[in-house]
Each structure stands twice: as structure tokens, then as C-alpha cells.
């Protein structure tokens, strides 16, 4: 799988100790025909594949999860709101 996804040697094994990048996680999810939410434990549905319309929400969840995987749902929503505002600001530049 690492070769097919052009990941470094032992990358997936090292995810036991380090959080994968959003790009690498998305590659694995696409290869396995599942969502990044399922891989992160944010969904119990392995068949819930994200559509292009869901990309922003998926990325927001990845960012929130990468900050602290043990945050509460309320904290995650606050972080997602902050990311939305940052994205709006970036578009104005």
C-alpha cells in the first residue's frame, strides 16, 4: 500500500506514534474506498465516502483532530468554526 500511495517506507506503521498528514490520510481513505472520518474514528460507517461538497467539512475535522484527538464534540465544533472564519478571511486576501 505504501508503494502504491507513494508513501515513505514504514509510514503507516509509524502512524501508531505520529498522526498522519491530512494528504496521506486522504490517500489511504481513497484507496480503501472509505472516508477519512471512518479512519479517524469520527464515523462508524465505513461506506460513508465523502463527496466533493463535503471536502471543507472533512478538512475541518482533520484539522480539529490533528490539534488534539481527545477533544470533545463541543471543542471540535469551536475549532471547526474558527477554521471556517480563517478560510473566509483567506478568500478575501
PDB file of N, CA and C in Angstrom:
ATOM      1  N   UNK A   1       0.830  -1.188   0.000  1.00  0.00           N
ATOM      2  CA  UNK A   1       0.000   0.000   0.000  1.00  0.00           C
ATOM      3  C   UNK A   1       0.878   1.257   0.000  1.00  0.00           C
ATOM      4  N   UNK A   2       1.943   1.238   0.771  1.00  0.00           N
ATOM      5  CA  UNK A   2       2.827   2.412   0.835  1.00  0.00           C
ATOM      6  C   UNK A   2       3.417   2.739  -0.533  1.00  0.00           C
ATOM      7  N   UNK A   3       3.793   1.705  -1.276  1.00  0.00           N
ATOM      8  CA  UNK A   3       4.356   1.922  -2.610  1.00  0.00           C
ATOM      9  C   UNK A   3       3.304   2.496  -3.545  1.00  0.00           C
ATOM     10  N   UNK A   4       2.117   1.910  -3.518  1.00  0.00           N
ATOM     11  CA  UNK A   4       1.029   2.364  -4.387  1.00  0.00           C
ATOM     12  C   UNK A   4       0.649   3.819  -4.112  1.00  0.00           C
ATOM     13  N   UNK A   5       0.692   4.220  -2.851  1.00  0.00           N
ATOM     14  CA  UNK A   5       0.320   5.585  -2.473  1.00  0.00           C
ATOM     15  C   UNK A   5       1.513   6.542  -2.463  1.00  0.00           C
ATOM     16  N   UNK A   6       2.689   6.020  -2.797  1.00  0.00           N
ATOM     17  CA  UNK A   6       3.922   6.808  -2.808  1.00  0.00           C
ATOM     18  C   UNK A   6       4.223   7.418  -1.437  1.00  0.00           C
ATOM     19  N   UNK A   7       4.054   6.582  -0.410  1.00  0.00           N
ATOM     20  CA  UNK A   7       4.388   6.977   0.957  1.00  0.00           C
ATOM     21  C   UNK A   7       5.778   6.436   1.274  1.00  0.00           C
ATOM     22  N   UNK A   8       6.409   6.991   2.261  1.00  0.00           N
ATOM     23  CA  UNK A   8       7.723   6.518   2.667  1.00  0.00           C
ATOM     24  C   UNK A   8       7.649   5.139   3.306  1.00  0.00           C
ATOM     25  N   UNK A   9       8.783   4.466   3.361  1.00  0.00           N
ATOM     26  CA  UNK A   9       8.865   3.155   3.992  1.00  0.00           C
ATOM     27  C   UNK A   9       8.457   3.255   5.457  1.00  0.00           C
ATOM     28  N   UNK A  10       7.628   2.337   5.899  1.00  0.00           N
ATOM     29  CA  UNK A  10       7.126   2.257   7.275  1.00  0.00           C
ATOM     30  C   UNK A  10       6.246   3.439   7.686  1.00  0.00           C
ATOM     31  N   UNK A  11       5.772   4.222   6.733  1.00  0.00           N
ATOM     32  CA  UNK A  11       4.927   5.380   7.064  1.00  0.00           C
ATOM     33  C   UNK A  11       3.697   4.968   7.852  1.00  0.00           C
ATOM     34  N   UNK A  12       2.999   3.963   7.349  1.00  0.00           N
ATOM     35  CA  UNK A  12       1.753   3.554   8.001  1.00  0.00           C
ATOM     36  C   UNK A  12       2.043   2.992   9.389  1.00  0.00           C
ATOM     37  N   UNK A  13       3.091   2.197   9.517  1.00  0.00           N
ATOM     38  CA  UNK A  13       3.473   1.674  10.826  1.00  0.00           C
ATOM     39  C   UNK A  13       3.751   2.813  11.804  1.00  0.00           C
ATOM     40  N   UNK A  14       4.423   3.858  11.333  1.00  0.00           N
ATOM     41  CA  UNK A  14       4.774   4.994  12.196  1.00  0.00           C
ATOM     42  C   UNK A  14       3.565   5.799  12.649  1.00  0.00           C
ATOM     43  N   UNK A  15       2.416   5.613  12.004  1.00  0.00           N
ATOM     44  CA  UNK A  15       1.205   6.327  12.420  1.00  0.00           C
ATOM     45  C   UNK A  15       0.730   5.876  13.797  1.00  0.00           C
ATOM     46  N   UNK A  16       1.296   4.782  14.311  1.00  0.00           N
ATOM     47  CA  UNK A  16       0.982   4.381  15.683  1.00  0.00           C
ATOM     48  C   UNK A  16       1.520   5.410  16.670  1.00  0.00           C
ATOM     49  N   UNK A  17       2.602   6.080  16.280  1.00  0.00           N
ATOM     50  CA  UNK A  17       3.264   7.049  17.152  1.00  0.00           C
ATOM     51  C   UNK A  17       2.982   8.490  16.746  1.00  0.00           C
ATOM     52  N   UNK A  18       2.731   8.716  15.457  1.00  0.00           N
ATOM     53  CA  UNK A  18       2.519  10.071  14.939  1.00  0.00           C
ATOM     54  C   UNK A  18       1.233  10.114  14.131  1.00  0.00           C
ATOM     55  N   UNK A  19       0.612  11.271  14.119  1.00  0.00           N
ATOM     56  CA  UNK A  19      -0.598  11.469  13.330  1.00  0.00           C
ATOM     57  C   UNK A  19      -0.209  11.650  11.864  1.00  0.00           C
ATOM     58  N   UNK A  20      -0.888  10.945  10.950  1.00  0.00           N
ATOM     59  CA  UNK A  20      -0.576  11.122   9.530  1.00  0.00           C
ATOM     60  C   UNK A  20      -1.008  12.501   9.044  1.00  0.00           C
ATOM     61  N   UNK A  21      -0.396  12.964   7.966  1.00  0.00           N
ATOM     62  CA  UNK A  21      -0.823  14.238   7.392  1.00  0.00           C
ATOM     63  C   UNK A  21      -2.203  14.052   6.774  1.00  0.00           C
ATOM     64  N   UNK A  22      -2.910  15.148   6.608  1.00  0.00           N
ATOM     65  CA  UNK A  22      -4.244  15.099   6.000  1.00  0.00           C
ATOM     66  C   UNK A  22      -4.167  14.523   4.592  1.00  0.00           C
ATOM     67  N   UNK A  23      -3.140  14.897   3.837  1.00  0.00           N
ATOM     68  CA  UNK A  23      -2.986  14.387   2.470  1.00  0.00           C
ATOM     69  C   UNK A  23      -2.805  12.874   2.456  1.00  0.00           C
ATOM     70  N   UNK A  24      -1.946  12.364   3.326  1.00  0.00           N
ATOM     71  CA  UNK A  24      -1.709  10.922   3.363  1.00  0.00           C
ATOM     72  C   UNK A  24      -2.938  10.164   3.844  1.00  0.00           C
ATOM     73  N   UNK A  25      -3.635  10.713   4.802  1.00  0.00           N
ATOM     74  CA  UNK A  25      -4.854  10.077   5.289  1.00  0.00           C
ATOM     75  C   UNK A  25      -5.903  10.030   4.179  1.00  0.00           C
ATOM     76  N   UNK A  26      -6.008  11.097   3.419  1.00  0.00           N
ATOM     77  CA  UNK A  26      -6.958  11.141   2.300  1.00  0.00           C
ATOM     78  C   UNK A  26      -6.593  10.108   1.235  1.00  0.00           C
ATOM     79  N   UNK A  27      -5.297   9.925   0.979  1.00  0.00           N
ATOM     80  CA  UNK A  27      -4.856   8.915   0.007  1.00  0.00           C
ATOM     81  C   UNK A  27      -5.286   7.516   0.442  1.00  0.00           C
ATOM     82  N   UNK A  28      -5.078   7.201   1.714  1.00  0.00           N
ATOM     83  CA  UNK A  28      -5.444   5.882   2.231  1.00  0.00           C
ATOM     84  C   UNK A  28      -6.959   5.691   2.159  1.00  0.00           C
ATOM     85  N   UNK A  29      -7.716   6.702   2.555  1.00  0.00           N
ATOM     86  CA  UNK A  29      -9.176   6.607   2.515  1.00  0.00           C
ATOM     87  C   UNK A  29      -9.664   6.369   1.093  1.00  0.00           C
ATOM     88  N   UNK A  30      -9.084   7.069   0.145  1.00  0.00           N
ATOM     89  CA  UNK A  30      -9.489   6.909  -1.256  1.00  0.00           C
ATOM     90  C   UNK A  30      -9.176   5.497  -1.741  1.00  0.00           C
ATOM     91  N   UNK A  31      -7.989   4.992  -1.423  1.00  0.00           N
ATOM     92  CA  UNK A  31      -7.600   3.646  -1.834  1.00  0.00           C
ATOM     93  C   UNK A  31      -8.529   2.592  -1.231  1.00  0.00           C
ATOM     94  N   UNK A  32      -8.922   2.788   0.020  1.00  0.00           N
ATOM     95  CA  UNK A  32      -9.776   1.823   0.717  1.00  0.00           C
ATOM     96  C   UNK A  32     -11.268   2.073   0.489  1.00  0.00           C
ATOM     97  N   UNK A  33     -11.592   3.085  -0.313  1.00  0.00           N
ATOM     98  CA  UNK A  33     -12.987   3.440  -0.618  1.00  0.00           C
ATOM     99  C   UNK A  33     -13.789   3.689   0.656  1.00  0.00           C
ATOM    100  N   UNK A  34     -13.227   4.480   1.526  1.00  0.00           N
ATOM    101  CA  UNK A  34     -13.902   4.857   2.764  1.00  0.00           C
ATOM    102  C   UNK A  34     -13.629   6.334   3.021  1.00  0.00           C
ATOM    103  N   UNK A  35     -14.139   6.835   4.114  1.00  0.00           N
ATOM    104  CA  UNK A  35     -13.937   8.250   4.432  1.00  0.00           C
ATOM    105  C   UNK A  35     -12.806   8.420   5.441  1.00  0.00           C
ATOM    106  N   UNK A  36     -12.245   9.602   5.450  1.00  0.00           N
ATOM    107  CA  UNK A  36     -11.235   9.905   6.460  1.00  0.00           C
ATOM    108  C   UNK A  36     -11.880   9.927   7.843  1.00  0.00           C
ATOM    109  N   UNK A  37     -13.147  10.309   7.913  1.00  0.00           N
ATOM    110  CA  UNK A  37     -13.856  10.288   9.195  1.00  0.00           C
ATOM    111  C   UNK A  37     -13.854   8.879   9.784  1.00  0.00           C
ATOM    112  N   UNK A  38     -14.078   7.872   8.943  1.00  0.00           N
ATOM    113  CA  UNK A  38     -14.079   6.490   9.425  1.00  0.00           C
ATOM    114  C   UNK A  38     -12.683   6.097   9.917  1.00  0.00           C
ATOM    115  N   UNK A  39     -11.656   6.466   9.159  1.00  0.00           N
ATOM    116  CA  UNK A  39     -10.285   6.136   9.563  1.00  0.00           C
ATOM    117  C   UNK A  39      -9.893   6.825  10.862  1.00  0.00           C
ATOM    118  N   UNK A  40     -10.440   8.019  11.097  1.00  0.00           N
ATOM    119  CA  UNK A  40     -10.127   8.766  12.318  1.00  0.00           C
ATOM    120  C   UNK A  40     -11.013   8.376  13.498  1.00  0.00           C
ATOM    121  N   UNK A  41     -11.987   7.515  13.256  1.00  0.00           N
ATOM    122  CA  UNK A  41     -12.898   7.119  14.322  1.00  0.00           C
ATOM    123  C   UNK A  41     -14.008   8.123  14.565  1.00  0.00           C
ATOM    124  N   UNK A  42     -14.231   9.037  13.616  1.00  0.00           N
ATOM    125  CA  UNK A  42     -15.291  10.036  13.757  1.00  0.00           C
ATOM    126  C   UNK A  42     -16.609   9.542  13.186  1.00  0.00           C
ATOM    127  N   UNK A  43     -16.581   8.388  12.523  1.00  0.00           N
ATOM    128  CA  UNK A  43     -17.772   7.791  11.935  1.00  0.00           C
ATOM    129  C   UNK A  43     -17.694   6.286  12.122  1.00  0.00           C
ATOM    130  N   UNK A  44     -18.846   5.660  12.299  1.00  0.00           N
ATOM    131  CA  UNK A  44     -18.897   4.203  12.408  1.00  0.00           C
ATOM    132  C   UNK A  44     -19.250   3.554  11.081  1.00  0.00           C
ATOM    133  N   UNK A  45     -19.437   4.359  10.038  1.00  0.00           N
ATOM    134  CA  UNK A  45     -19.876   3.861   8.738  1.00  0.00           C
ATOM    135  C   UNK A  45     -18.703   3.824   7.761  1.00  0.00           C
ATOM    136  N   UNK A  46     -18.153   2.624   7.490  1.00  0.00           N
ATOM    137  CA  UNK A  46     -17.017   2.544   6.571  1.00  0.00           C
ATOM    138  C   UNK A  46     -17.395   2.853   5.128  1.00  0.00           C
ATOM    139  N   UNK A  47     -18.692   2.817   4.813  1.00  0.00           N
ATOM    140  CA  UNK A  47     -19.146   3.063   3.446  1.00  0.00           C
ATOM    141  C   UNK A  47     -19.462   4.521   3.179  1.00  0.00           C
ATOM    142  N   UNK A  48     -19.352   5.383   4.174  1.00  0.00           N
ATOM    143  CA  UNK A  48     -19.701   6.799   4.017  1.00  0.00           C
ATOM    144  C   UNK A  48     -18.544   7.543   3.365  1.00  0.00           C
ATOM    145  N   UNK A  49     -18.476   7.474   2.052  1.00  0.00           N
ATOM    146  CA  UNK A  49     -17.414   8.152   1.305  1.00  0.00           C
ATOM    147  C   UNK A  49     -17.810   9.605   1.120  1.00  0.00           C
ATOM    148  N   UNK A  50     -16.862  10.506   1.334  1.00  0.00           N
ATOM    149  CA  UNK A  50     -17.112  11.938   1.209  1.00  0.00           C
ATOM    150  C   UNK A  50     -17.268  12.326  -0.252  1.00  0.00           C
ATOM    151  N   UNK A  51     -18.151  13.266  -0.529  1.00  0.00           N
ATOM    152  CA  UNK A  51     -18.280  13.831  -1.866  1.00  0.00           C
ATOM    153  C   UNK A  51     -17.492  15.126  -1.919  1.00  0.00           C
ATOM    154  N   UNK A  52     -17.344  15.674  -3.116  1.00  0.00           N
ATOM    155  CA  UNK A  52     -16.618  16.934  -3.260  1.00  0.00           C
ATOM    156  C   UNK A  52     -17.254  18.041  -2.442  1.00  0.00           C
ATOM    157  N   UNK A  53     -18.586  18.002  -2.269  1.00  0.00           N
ATOM    158  CA  UNK A  53     -19.268  19.031  -1.496  1.00  0.00           C
ATOM    159  C   UNK A  53     -18.924  18.958  -0.015  1.00  0.00           C
ATOM    160  N   UNK A  54     -18.434  17.807   0.435  1.00  0.00           N
ATOM    161  CA  UNK A  54     -18.112  17.617   1.843  1.00  0.00           C
ATOM    162  C   UNK A  54     -16.644  17.886   2.154  1.00  0.00           C
ATOM    163  N   UNK A  55     -15.839  18.266   1.153  1.00  0.00           N
ATOM    164  CA  UNK A  55     -14.401  18.426   1.362  1.00  0.00           C
ATOM    165  C   UNK A  55     -14.068  19.401   2.480  1.00  0.00           C
ATOM    166  N   UNK A  56     -14.757  20.535   2.544  1.00  0.00           N
ATOM    167  CA  UNK A  56     -14.425  21.518   3.565  1.00  0.00           C
ATOM    168  C   UNK A  56     -14.686  20.940   4.954  1.00  0.00           C
ATOM    169  N   UNK A  57     -15.806  20.284   5.138  1.00  0.00           N
ATOM    170  CA  UNK A  57     -16.116  19.681   6.429  1.00  0.00           C
ATOM    171  C   UNK A  57     -15.089  18.606   6.772  1.00  0.00           C
ATOM    172  N   UNK A  58     -14.717  17.789   5.807  1.00  0.00           N
ATOM    173  CA  UNK A  58     -13.723  16.741   6.035  1.00  0.00           C
ATOM    174  C   UNK A  58     -12.398  17.365   6.458  1.00  0.00           C
ATOM    175  N   UNK A  59     -11.964  18.393   5.756  1.00  0.00           N
ATOM    176  CA  UNK A  59     -10.704  19.050   6.099  1.00  0.00           C
ATOM    177  C   UNK A  59     -10.773  19.712   7.462  1.00  0.00           C
ATOM    178  N   UNK A  60     -11.901  20.309   7.789  1.00  0.00           N
ATOM    179  CA  UNK A  60     -12.052  20.937   9.099  1.00  0.00           C
ATOM    180  C   UNK A  60     -11.929  19.895  10.200  1.00  0.00           C
ATOM    181  N   UNK A  61     -12.541  18.742  10.015  1.00  0.00           N
ATOM    182  CA  UNK A  61     -12.460  17.686  11.021  1.00  0.00           C
ATOM    183  C   UNK A  61     -11.028  17.173  11.148  1.00  0.00           C
ATOM    184  N   UNK A  62     -10.331  17.063  10.021  1.00  0.00           N
ATOM    185  CA  UNK A  62      -8.934  16.627  10.074  1.00  0.00           C
ATOM    186  C   UNK A  62      -8.082  17.606  10.865  1.00  0.00           C
ATOM    187  N   UNK A  63      -8.317  18.892  10.634  1.00  0.00           N
ATOM    188  CA  UNK A  63      -7.558  19.911  11.364  1.00  0.00           C
ATOM    189  C   UNK A  63      -7.868  19.827  12.852  1.00  0.00           C
ATOM    190  N   UNK A  64      -9.146  19.735  13.190  1.00  0.00           N
ATOM    191  CA  UNK A  64      -9.536  19.654  14.599  1.00  0.00           C
ATOM    192  C   UNK A  64      -8.943  18.407  15.246  1.00  0.00           C
ATOM    193  N   UNK A  65      -8.975  17.285  14.540  1.00  0.00           N
ATOM    194  CA  UNK A  65      -8.442  16.041  15.087  1.00  0.00           C
ATOM    195  C   UNK A  65      -6.928  16.122  15.264  1.00  0.00           C
ATOM    196  N   UNK A  66      -6.248  16.789  14.321  1.00  0.00           N
ATOM    197  CA  UNK A  66      -4.789  16.862  14.420  1.00  0.00           C
ATOM    198  C   UNK A  66      -4.336  17.735  15.583  1.00  0.00           C
ATOM    199  N   UNK A  67      -5.182  18.663  16.021  1.00  0.00           N
ATOM    200  CA  UNK A  67      -4.835  19.507  17.162  1.00  0.00           C
ATOM    201  C   UNK A  67      -4.821  18.678  18.440  1.00  0.00           C
ATOM    202  N   UNK A  68      -5.852  17.876  18.625  1.00  0.00           N
ATOM    203  CA  UNK A  68      -5.932  17.008  19.804  1.00  0.00           C
ATOM    204  C   UNK A  68      -6.994  15.953  19.547  1.00  0.00           C
ATOM    205  N   UNK A  69      -6.607  14.691  19.341  1.00  0.00           N
ATOM    206  CA  UNK A  69      -7.587  13.655  19.036  1.00  0.00           C
ATOM    207  C   UNK A  69      -8.586  13.395  20.163  1.00  0.00           C
ATOM    208  N   UNK A  70      -8.321  13.868  21.366  1.00  0.00           N
ATOM    209  CA  UNK A  70      -9.201  13.600  22.503  1.00  0.00           C
ATOM    210  C   UNK A  70     -10.138  14.754  22.839  1.00  0.00           C
ATOM    211  N   UNK A  71     -10.312  15.721  21.916  1.00  0.00           N
ATOM    212  CA  UNK A  71     -11.184  16.857  22.205  1.00  0.00           C
ATOM    213  C   UNK A  71     -12.643  16.425  22.209  1.00  0.00           C
ATOM    214  N   UNK A  72     -13.457  17.191  22.911  1.00  0.00           N
ATOM    215  CA  UNK A  72     -14.888  16.900  22.956  1.00  0.00           C
ATOM    216  C   UNK A  72     -15.547  17.371  21.667  1.00  0.00           C
ATOM    217  N   UNK A  73     -16.790  16.922  21.439  1.00  0.00           N
ATOM    218  CA  UNK A  73     -17.536  17.367  20.261  1.00  0.00           C
ATOM    219  C   UNK A  73     -17.713  18.879  20.275  1.00  0.00           C
ATOM    220  N   UNK A  74     -17.971  19.443  21.451  1.00  0.00           N
ATOM    221  CA  UNK A  74     -18.149  20.893  21.563  1.00  0.00           C
ATOM    222  C   UNK A  74     -16.858  21.629  21.187  1.00  0.00           C
ATOM    223  N   UNK A  75     -15.726  21.142  21.679  1.00  0.00           N
ATOM    224  CA  UNK A  75     -14.441  21.764  21.343  1.00  0.00           C
ATOM    225  C   UNK A  75     -14.148  21.635  19.846  1.00  0.00           C
ATOM    226  N   UNK A  76     -14.491  20.469  19.281  1.00  0.00           N
ATOM    227  CA  UNK A  76     -14.283  20.250  17.847  1.00  0.00           C
ATOM    228  C   UNK A  76     -15.096  21.251  17.038  1.00  0.00           C
ATOM    229  N   UNK A  77     -16.349  21.486  17.429  1.00  0.00           N
ATOM    230  CA  UNK A  77     -17.203  22.440  16.715  1.00  0.00           C
ATOM    231  C   UNK A  77     -16.643  23.862  16.811  1.00  0.00           C
ATOM    232  N   UNK A  78     -16.094  24.217  17.949  1.00  0.00           N
ATOM    233  CA  UNK A  78     -15.476  25.542  18.109  1.00  0.00           C
ATOM    234  C   UNK A  78     -14.289  25.678  17.158  1.00  0.00           C
ATOM    235  N   UNK A  79     -13.450  24.648  17.109  1.00  0.00           N
ATOM    236  CA  UNK A  79     -12.285  24.681  16.223  1.00  0.00           C
ATOM    237  C   UNK A  79     -12.727  24.745  14.765  1.00  0.00           C
ATOM    238  N   UNK A  80     -13.735  23.961  14.399  1.00  0.00           N
ATOM    239  CA  UNK A  80     -14.245  23.986  13.028  1.00  0.00           C
ATOM    240  C   UNK A  80     -14.757  25.381  12.683  1.00  0.00           C
ATOM    241  N   UNK A  81     -15.439  26.031  13.621  1.00  0.00           N
ATOM    242  CA  UNK A  81     -15.906  27.403  13.401  1.00  0.00           C
ATOM    243  C   UNK A  81     -14.748  28.357  13.169  1.00  0.00           C
ATOM    244  N   UNK A  82     -13.686  28.182  13.931  1.00  0.00           N
ATOM    245  CA  UNK A  82     -12.505  29.029  13.762  1.00  0.00           C
ATOM    246  C   UNK A  82     -11.872  28.804  12.387  1.00  0.00           C
ATOM    247  N   UNK A  83     -11.845  27.548  11.951  1.00  0.00           N
ATOM    248  CA  UNK A  83     -11.285  27.233  10.637  1.00  0.00           C
ATOM    249  C   UNK A  83     -12.134  27.866   9.535  1.00  0.00           C
ATOM    250  N   UNK A  84     -13.455  27.803   9.683  1.00  0.00           N
ATOM    251  CA  UNK A  84     -14.349  28.427   8.698  1.00  0.00           C
ATOM    252  C   UNK A  84     -14.061  29.919   8.579  1.00  0.00           C
ATOM    253  N   UNK A  85     -13.911  30.585   9.712  1.00  0.00           N
ATOM    254  CA  UNK A  85     -13.626  32.021   9.696  1.00  0.00           C
ATOM    255  C   UNK A  85     -12.271  32.307   9.053  1.00  0.00           C
ATOM    256  N   UNK A  86     -11.286  31.479   9.345  1.00  0.00           N
ATOM    257  CA  UNK A  86      -9.961  31.662   8.740  1.00  0.00           C
ATOM    258  C   UNK A  86     -10.025  31.477   7.226  1.00  0.00           C
ATOM    259  N   UNK A  87     -10.825  30.520   6.775  1.00  0.00           N
ATOM    260  CA  UNK A  87     -10.965  30.293   5.337  1.00  0.00           C
ATOM    261  C   UNK A  87     -11.668  31.471   4.667  1.00  0.00           C
ATOM    262  N   UNK A  88     -12.674  32.044   5.322  1.00  0.00           N
ATOM    263  CA  UNK A  88     -13.353  33.226   4.779  1.00  0.00           C
ATOM    264  C   UNK A  88     -12.367  34.380   4.655  1.00  0.00           C
ATOM    265  N   UNK A  89     -11.553  34.576   5.680  1.00  0.00           N
ATOM    266  CA  UNK A  89     -10.562  35.647   5.678  1.00  0.00           C
ATOM    267  C   UNK A  89      -9.551  35.443   4.552  1.00  0.00           C
ATOM    268  N   UNK A  90      -9.103  34.204   4.375  1.00  0.00           N
ATOM    269  CA  UNK A  90      -8.122  33.896   3.329  1.00  0.00           C
ATOM    270  C   UNK A  90      -8.683  34.208   1.943  1.00  0.00           C
ATOM    271  N   UNK A  91      -9.957  33.932   1.727  1.00  0.00           N
ATOM    272  CA  UNK A  91     -10.579  34.196   0.425  1.00  0.00           C
ATOM    273  C   UNK A  91     -10.643  35.686   0.120  1.00  0.00           C
ATOM    274  N   UNK A  92     -10.701  36.523   1.161  1.00  0.00           N
ATOM    275  CA  UNK A  92     -10.767  37.973   0.960  1.00  0.00           C
ATOM    276  C   UNK A  92      -9.422  38.564   0.563  1.00  0.00           C
ATOM    277  N   UNK A  93      -8.343  37.851   0.825  1.00  0.00           N
ATOM    278  CA  UNK A  93      -6.998  38.379   0.515  1.00  0.00           C
ATOM    279  C   UNK A  93      -6.710  38.361  -0.965  1.00  0.00           C
TER     280      UNK A  93
END
